[in-house]
């Protein structure tokens, strides 16, 4: 049996997502048996334009509008980066509301690269130890978090990572978190 059989994971993203930060974690989770759903502030069936740094990449189809997504339906939330993706998402009340409500479930919440911007806007950074793309260090400190330059940082159920090179350890920590029980207050 695959280790994550029966687990449901939401990946919240929009146009400008760093393609590899969506594709590789999704492929890893699915290979291990999880059901992954692309959640976005667009209608189901609409397209998301991914990027490879500044070059347009593949397009991905929205599987669920964030306005219709229910945090309690998922065992984990993954927030891919890129610069434009989380910058647009943090201007979406529906996306920030989803992240905030998801945090109340006590389930694992993982963010890579610029993804932690959503944790800041959702009011979840205070007292957290995280990592991210280096340019977020000041934003994280200003939001009450502690930043370190490490491939992956796990703080309770919060998993953060810096960049595409760190995806293998990021994925391993998401799998590990999904395999252990969680409490809503964690």
C-alpha atoms as a PDB file:
ATOM      1  CA  UNK A   1       0.000   0.000   0.000  1.00  0.00           C
ATOM      2  CA  UNK A   2       1.188   3.526  -0.760  1.00  0.00           C
ATOM      3  CA  UNK A   3       2.103   5.507   2.351  1.00  0.00           C
ATOM      4  CA  UNK A   4      -0.323   8.379   1.734  1.00  0.00           C
ATOM      5  CA  UNK A   5      -3.297   6.349   0.464  1.00  0.00           C
ATOM      6  CA  UNK A   6      -6.520   8.089   1.521  1.00  0.00           C
ATOM      7  CA  UNK A   7      -4.870  11.461   2.220  1.00  0.00           C
ATOM      8  CA  UNK A   8      -6.247  14.558   0.483  1.00  0.00           C
ATOM      9  CA  UNK A   9      -4.000  17.538  -0.203  1.00  0.00           C
ATOM     10  CA  UNK A  10      -4.970  20.996  -1.456  1.00  0.00           C
ATOM     11  CA  UNK A  11      -2.406  22.973  -3.427  1.00  0.00           C
ATOM     12  CA  UNK A  12      -3.383  26.649  -3.514  1.00  0.00           C
ATOM     13  CA  UNK A  13      -1.978  28.581  -6.468  1.00  0.00           C
ATOM     14  CA  UNK A  14      -2.691  31.010  -9.270  1.00  0.00           C
ATOM     15  CA  UNK A  15      -1.022  32.541 -12.313  1.00  0.00           C
ATOM     16  CA  UNK A  16       2.704  33.052 -11.868  1.00  0.00           C
ATOM     17  CA  UNK A  17       3.315  29.875  -9.853  1.00  0.00           C
ATOM     18  CA  UNK A  18       6.833  28.482 -10.176  1.00  0.00           C
ATOM     19  CA  UNK A  19       6.065  25.393 -12.262  1.00  0.00           C
ATOM     20  CA  UNK A  20       8.485  23.004 -10.561  1.00  0.00           C
ATOM     21  CA  UNK A  21       7.211  24.019  -7.088  1.00  0.00           C
ATOM     22  CA  UNK A  22       3.756  22.840  -8.123  1.00  0.00           C
ATOM     23  CA  UNK A  23       4.610  19.860 -10.318  1.00  0.00           C
ATOM     24  CA  UNK A  24       7.231  18.110  -8.197  1.00  0.00           C
ATOM     25  CA  UNK A  25       5.395  18.143  -4.847  1.00  0.00           C
ATOM     26  CA  UNK A  26       2.162  17.126  -6.587  1.00  0.00           C
ATOM     27  CA  UNK A  27       3.854  14.246  -8.419  1.00  0.00           C
ATOM     28  CA  UNK A  28       5.544  13.094  -5.210  1.00  0.00           C
ATOM     29  CA  UNK A  29       2.306  13.160  -3.225  1.00  0.00           C
ATOM     30  CA  UNK A  30       0.373  11.345  -5.952  1.00  0.00           C
ATOM     31  CA  UNK A  31       3.111   8.723  -6.353  1.00  0.00           C
ATOM     32  CA  UNK A  32       2.717   8.029  -2.633  1.00  0.00           C
ATOM     33  CA  UNK A  33      -1.059   7.633  -2.943  1.00  0.00           C
ATOM     34  CA  UNK A  34      -2.414  11.058  -1.956  1.00  0.00           C
ATOM     35  CA  UNK A  35      -5.245  12.710  -3.869  1.00  0.00           C
ATOM     36  CA  UNK A  36      -4.110  16.233  -4.765  1.00  0.00           C
ATOM     37  CA  UNK A  37      -6.421  19.055  -5.829  1.00  0.00           C
ATOM     38  CA  UNK A  38      -5.406  22.334  -7.502  1.00  0.00           C
ATOM     39  CA  UNK A  39      -7.350  25.039  -5.648  1.00  0.00           C
ATOM     40  CA  UNK A  40      -7.345  28.605  -7.000  1.00  0.00           C
ATOM     41  CA  UNK A  41      -9.263  31.884  -6.904  1.00  0.00           C
ATOM     42  CA  UNK A  42     -10.538  31.057 -10.387  1.00  0.00           C
ATOM     43  CA  UNK A  43     -13.440  28.915 -11.526  1.00  0.00           C
ATOM     44  CA  UNK A  44     -13.090  25.181 -11.932  1.00  0.00           C
ATOM     45  CA  UNK A  45     -11.822  24.399 -15.432  1.00  0.00           C
ATOM     46  CA  UNK A  46     -10.021  27.726 -15.893  1.00  0.00           C
ATOM     47  CA  UNK A  47      -6.276  27.697 -16.558  1.00  0.00           C
ATOM     48  CA  UNK A  48      -3.362  28.723 -14.350  1.00  0.00           C
ATOM     49  CA  UNK A  49      -0.241  29.969 -16.163  1.00  0.00           C
ATOM     50  CA  UNK A  50       2.919  28.573 -14.567  1.00  0.00           C
ATOM     51  CA  UNK A  51       6.408  29.993 -15.035  1.00  0.00           C
ATOM     52  CA  UNK A  52       9.954  28.699 -15.077  1.00  0.00           C
ATOM     53  CA  UNK A  53      11.510  31.721 -13.384  1.00  0.00           C
ATOM     54  CA  UNK A  54      10.439  34.520 -15.769  1.00  0.00           C
ATOM     55  CA  UNK A  55       9.644  32.317 -18.774  1.00  0.00           C
ATOM     56  CA  UNK A  56       6.043  31.178 -19.265  1.00  0.00           C
ATOM     57  CA  UNK A  57       5.699  27.434 -18.737  1.00  0.00           C
ATOM     58  CA  UNK A  58       2.826  24.988 -18.737  1.00  0.00           C
ATOM     59  CA  UNK A  59      -0.806  25.726 -17.986  1.00  0.00           C
ATOM     60  CA  UNK A  60      -2.727  23.771 -15.354  1.00  0.00           C
ATOM     61  CA  UNK A  61      -6.469  23.385 -14.930  1.00  0.00           C
ATOM     62  CA  UNK A  62      -8.185  24.574 -11.761  1.00  0.00           C
ATOM     63  CA  UNK A  63      -9.824  21.612 -10.047  1.00  0.00           C
ATOM     64  CA  UNK A  64     -11.683  23.574  -7.362  1.00  0.00           C
ATOM     65  CA  UNK A  65     -12.405  27.261  -6.847  1.00  0.00           C
ATOM     66  CA  UNK A  66     -11.029  28.416  -3.500  1.00  0.00           C
ATOM     67  CA  UNK A  67     -14.455  29.920  -2.719  1.00  0.00           C
ATOM     68  CA  UNK A  68     -15.915  26.384  -2.835  1.00  0.00           C
ATOM     69  CA  UNK A  69     -13.047  24.590  -1.078  1.00  0.00           C
ATOM     70  CA  UNK A  70     -13.608  23.432   2.500  1.00  0.00           C
ATOM     71  CA  UNK A  71     -10.435  23.234   4.636  1.00  0.00           C
ATOM     72  CA  UNK A  72     -11.812  20.304   6.629  1.00  0.00           C
ATOM     73  CA  UNK A  73     -11.866  18.221   3.419  1.00  0.00           C
ATOM     74  CA  UNK A  74      -8.054  18.166   3.252  1.00  0.00           C
ATOM     75  CA  UNK A  75      -5.292  16.536   5.273  1.00  0.00           C
ATOM     76  CA  UNK A  76      -2.659  19.102   4.210  1.00  0.00           C
ATOM     77  CA  UNK A  77      -2.290  22.402   2.374  1.00  0.00           C
ATOM     78  CA  UNK A  78       0.708  23.135   0.141  1.00  0.00           C
ATOM     79  CA  UNK A  79       1.545  26.681  -0.975  1.00  0.00           C
ATOM     80  CA  UNK A  80       3.939  26.736  -3.953  1.00  0.00           C
ATOM     81  CA  UNK A  81       5.933  29.853  -4.680  1.00  0.00           C
ATOM     82  CA  UNK A  82       7.246  31.892  -7.502  1.00  0.00           C
ATOM     83  CA  UNK A  83       7.009  35.633  -6.937  1.00  0.00           C
ATOM     84  CA  UNK A  84       3.789  36.531  -8.765  1.00  0.00           C
ATOM     85  CA  UNK A  85       1.680  33.598  -7.521  1.00  0.00           C
ATOM     86  CA  UNK A  86       1.728  34.292  -3.753  1.00  0.00           C
ATOM     87  CA  UNK A  87       1.800  38.041  -4.363  1.00  0.00           C
ATOM     88  CA  UNK A  88      -1.525  37.761  -6.221  1.00  0.00           C
ATOM     89  CA  UNK A  89      -2.963  35.250  -3.740  1.00  0.00           C
ATOM     90  CA  UNK A  90      -2.316  37.517  -0.780  1.00  0.00           C
ATOM     91  CA  UNK A  91      -4.586  40.089  -2.429  1.00  0.00           C
ATOM     92  CA  UNK A  92      -7.399  37.524  -2.623  1.00  0.00           C
ATOM     93  CA  UNK A  93      -9.685  37.587   0.420  1.00  0.00           C
ATOM     94  CA  UNK A  94     -10.931  34.111  -0.522  1.00  0.00           C
ATOM     95  CA  UNK A  95      -7.399  32.682  -0.670  1.00  0.00           C
ATOM     96  CA  UNK A  96      -6.297  34.286   2.609  1.00  0.00           C
ATOM     97  CA  UNK A  97      -9.537  33.184   4.254  1.00  0.00           C
ATOM     98  CA  UNK A  98      -8.955  29.615   3.083  1.00  0.00           C
ATOM     99  CA  UNK A  99      -5.400  29.607   4.509  1.00  0.00           C
ATOM    100  CA  UNK A 100      -6.660  31.050   7.818  1.00  0.00           C
ATOM    101  CA  UNK A 101      -9.471  28.517   8.100  1.00  0.00           C
ATOM    102  CA  UNK A 102      -7.160  25.692   7.089  1.00  0.00           C
ATOM    103  CA  UNK A 103      -4.745  26.653   9.882  1.00  0.00           C
ATOM    104  CA  UNK A 104      -7.568  26.070  12.379  1.00  0.00           C
ATOM    105  CA  UNK A 105      -7.825  22.402  11.317  1.00  0.00           C
ATOM    106  CA  UNK A 106      -4.476  21.551  12.888  1.00  0.00           C
ATOM    107  CA  UNK A 107      -3.341  19.760   9.724  1.00  0.00           C
ATOM    108  CA  UNK A 108       0.085  20.225   8.059  1.00  0.00           C
ATOM    109  CA  UNK A 109       0.588  23.471   6.170  1.00  0.00           C
ATOM    110  CA  UNK A 110       3.601  23.628   3.826  1.00  0.00           C
ATOM    111  CA  UNK A 111       4.968  26.643   1.932  1.00  0.00           C
ATOM    112  CA  UNK A 112       7.991  27.002  -0.339  1.00  0.00           C
ATOM    113  CA  UNK A 113       9.893  29.954  -1.800  1.00  0.00           C
ATOM    114  CA  UNK A 114       7.609  33.038  -1.651  1.00  0.00           C
ATOM    115  CA  UNK A 115       4.666  30.918  -0.376  1.00  0.00           C
ATOM    116  CA  UNK A 116       5.164  32.100   3.241  1.00  0.00           C
ATOM    117  CA  UNK A 117       3.777  35.495   2.191  1.00  0.00           C
ATOM    118  CA  UNK A 118       0.368  33.830   2.504  1.00  0.00           C
ATOM    119  CA  UNK A 119       1.163  32.770   6.065  1.00  0.00           C
ATOM    120  CA  UNK A 120       2.025  36.401   6.847  1.00  0.00           C
ATOM    121  CA  UNK A 121      -1.191  37.764   5.330  1.00  0.00           C
ATOM    122  CA  UNK A 122      -3.246  35.089   7.086  1.00  0.00           C
ATOM    123  CA  UNK A 123      -1.805  36.213  10.446  1.00  0.00           C
ATOM    124  CA  UNK A 124       0.033  32.935  11.043  1.00  0.00           C
ATOM    125  CA  UNK A 125       3.664  34.072  11.238  1.00  0.00           C
ATOM    126  CA  UNK A 126       3.942  35.417  14.782  1.00  0.00           C
ATOM    127  CA  UNK A 127       6.221  33.206  16.860  1.00  0.00           C
ATOM    128  CA  UNK A 128       6.953  30.816  13.955  1.00  0.00           C
ATOM    129  CA  UNK A 129      10.401  29.607  12.908  1.00  0.00           C
ATOM    130  CA  UNK A 130      10.456  29.389   9.102  1.00  0.00           C
ATOM    131  CA  UNK A 131      12.574  29.563   5.988  1.00  0.00           C
ATOM    132  CA  UNK A 132      11.752  30.935   2.537  1.00  0.00           C
ATOM    133  CA  UNK A 133      13.308  32.604  -0.449  1.00  0.00           C
ATOM    134  CA  UNK A 134      15.854  34.993   1.184  1.00  0.00           C
ATOM    135  CA  UNK A 135      14.047  38.181   0.096  1.00  0.00           C
ATOM    136  CA  UNK A 136      11.204  37.364   2.545  1.00  0.00           C
ATOM    137  CA  UNK A 137      13.466  37.483   5.619  1.00  0.00           C
ATOM    138  CA  UNK A 138      12.500  41.058   6.561  1.00  0.00           C
ATOM    139  CA  UNK A 139       8.792  40.471   5.870  1.00  0.00           C
ATOM    140  CA  UNK A 140       8.872  37.409   8.130  1.00  0.00           C
ATOM    141  CA  UNK A 141      10.691  39.283  10.910  1.00  0.00           C
ATOM    142  CA  UNK A 142       8.238  42.192  10.626  1.00  0.00           C
ATOM    143  CA  UNK A 143       5.366  39.707  11.015  1.00  0.00           C
ATOM    144  CA  UNK A 144       6.902  38.283  14.205  1.00  0.00           C
ATOM    145  CA  UNK A 145       8.519  35.185  12.738  1.00  0.00           C
ATOM    146  CA  UNK A 146      12.101  33.943  12.941  1.00  0.00           C
ATOM    147  CA  UNK A 147      13.807  33.223   9.608  1.00  0.00           C
ATOM    148  CA  UNK A 148      16.788  30.944   9.003  1.00  0.00           C
ATOM    149  CA  UNK A 149      18.546  29.935   5.803  1.00  0.00           C
ATOM    150  CA  UNK A 150      17.974  26.166   5.798  1.00  0.00           C
ATOM    151  CA  UNK A 151      16.648  23.784   3.106  1.00  0.00           C
ATOM    152  CA  UNK A 152      13.568  22.994   5.186  1.00  0.00           C
ATOM    153  CA  UNK A 153      12.266  24.118   8.579  1.00  0.00           C
ATOM    154  CA  UNK A 154       9.548  22.282  10.483  1.00  0.00           C
ATOM    155  CA  UNK A 155       7.832  24.239  13.258  1.00  0.00           C
ATOM    156  CA  UNK A 156       5.029  22.109  14.600  1.00  0.00           C
ATOM    157  CA  UNK A 157       2.783  21.437  11.628  1.00  0.00           C
ATOM    158  CA  UNK A 158       4.261  24.284   9.560  1.00  0.00           C
ATOM    159  CA  UNK A 159       6.767  23.150   6.925  1.00  0.00           C
ATOM    160  CA  UNK A 160       8.703  25.762   4.958  1.00  0.00           C
ATOM    161  CA  UNK A 161      11.395  25.546   2.319  1.00  0.00           C
ATOM    162  CA  UNK A 162      13.528  27.975   0.304  1.00  0.00           C
ATOM    163  CA  UNK A 163      13.668  27.040  -3.384  1.00  0.00           C
ATOM    164  CA  UNK A 164      13.326  24.351  -6.064  1.00  0.00           C
ATOM    165  CA  UNK A 165      16.623  22.683  -5.075  1.00  0.00           C
ATOM    166  CA  UNK A 166      15.065  21.949  -1.669  1.00  0.00           C
ATOM    167  CA  UNK A 167      11.968  20.179  -3.029  1.00  0.00           C
ATOM    168  CA  UNK A 168      13.172  16.634  -2.199  1.00  0.00           C
ATOM    169  CA  UNK A 169      13.546  17.401   1.546  1.00  0.00           C
ATOM    170  CA  UNK A 170      10.388  19.547   1.460  1.00  0.00           C
ATOM    171  CA  UNK A 171       8.452  16.593   0.022  1.00  0.00           C
ATOM    172  CA  UNK A 172       9.874  14.200   2.619  1.00  0.00           C
ATOM    173  CA  UNK A 173       8.757  16.467   5.449  1.00  0.00           C
ATOM    174  CA  UNK A 174       5.251  16.798   4.001  1.00  0.00           C
ATOM    175  CA  UNK A 175       4.994  13.003   3.791  1.00  0.00           C
ATOM    176  CA  UNK A 176       6.288  12.624   7.353  1.00  0.00           C
ATOM    177  CA  UNK A 177       3.759  15.192   8.632  1.00  0.00           C
ATOM    178  CA  UNK A 178       0.888  13.471   6.827  1.00  0.00           C
ATOM    179  CA  UNK A 179       1.773  10.162   8.454  1.00  0.00           C
ATOM    180  CA  UNK A 180       1.440  11.381  12.040  1.00  0.00           C
ATOM    181  CA  UNK A 181      -1.672  12.423  13.966  1.00  0.00           C
ATOM    182  CA  UNK A 182      -2.385  16.130  14.448  1.00  0.00           C
ATOM    183  CA  UNK A 183      -4.224  18.204  16.998  1.00  0.00           C
ATOM    184  CA  UNK A 184      -6.171  21.338  16.058  1.00  0.00           C
ATOM    185  CA  UNK A 185      -4.225  23.483  18.542  1.00  0.00           C
ATOM    186  CA  UNK A 186      -0.753  22.555  17.215  1.00  0.00           C
END
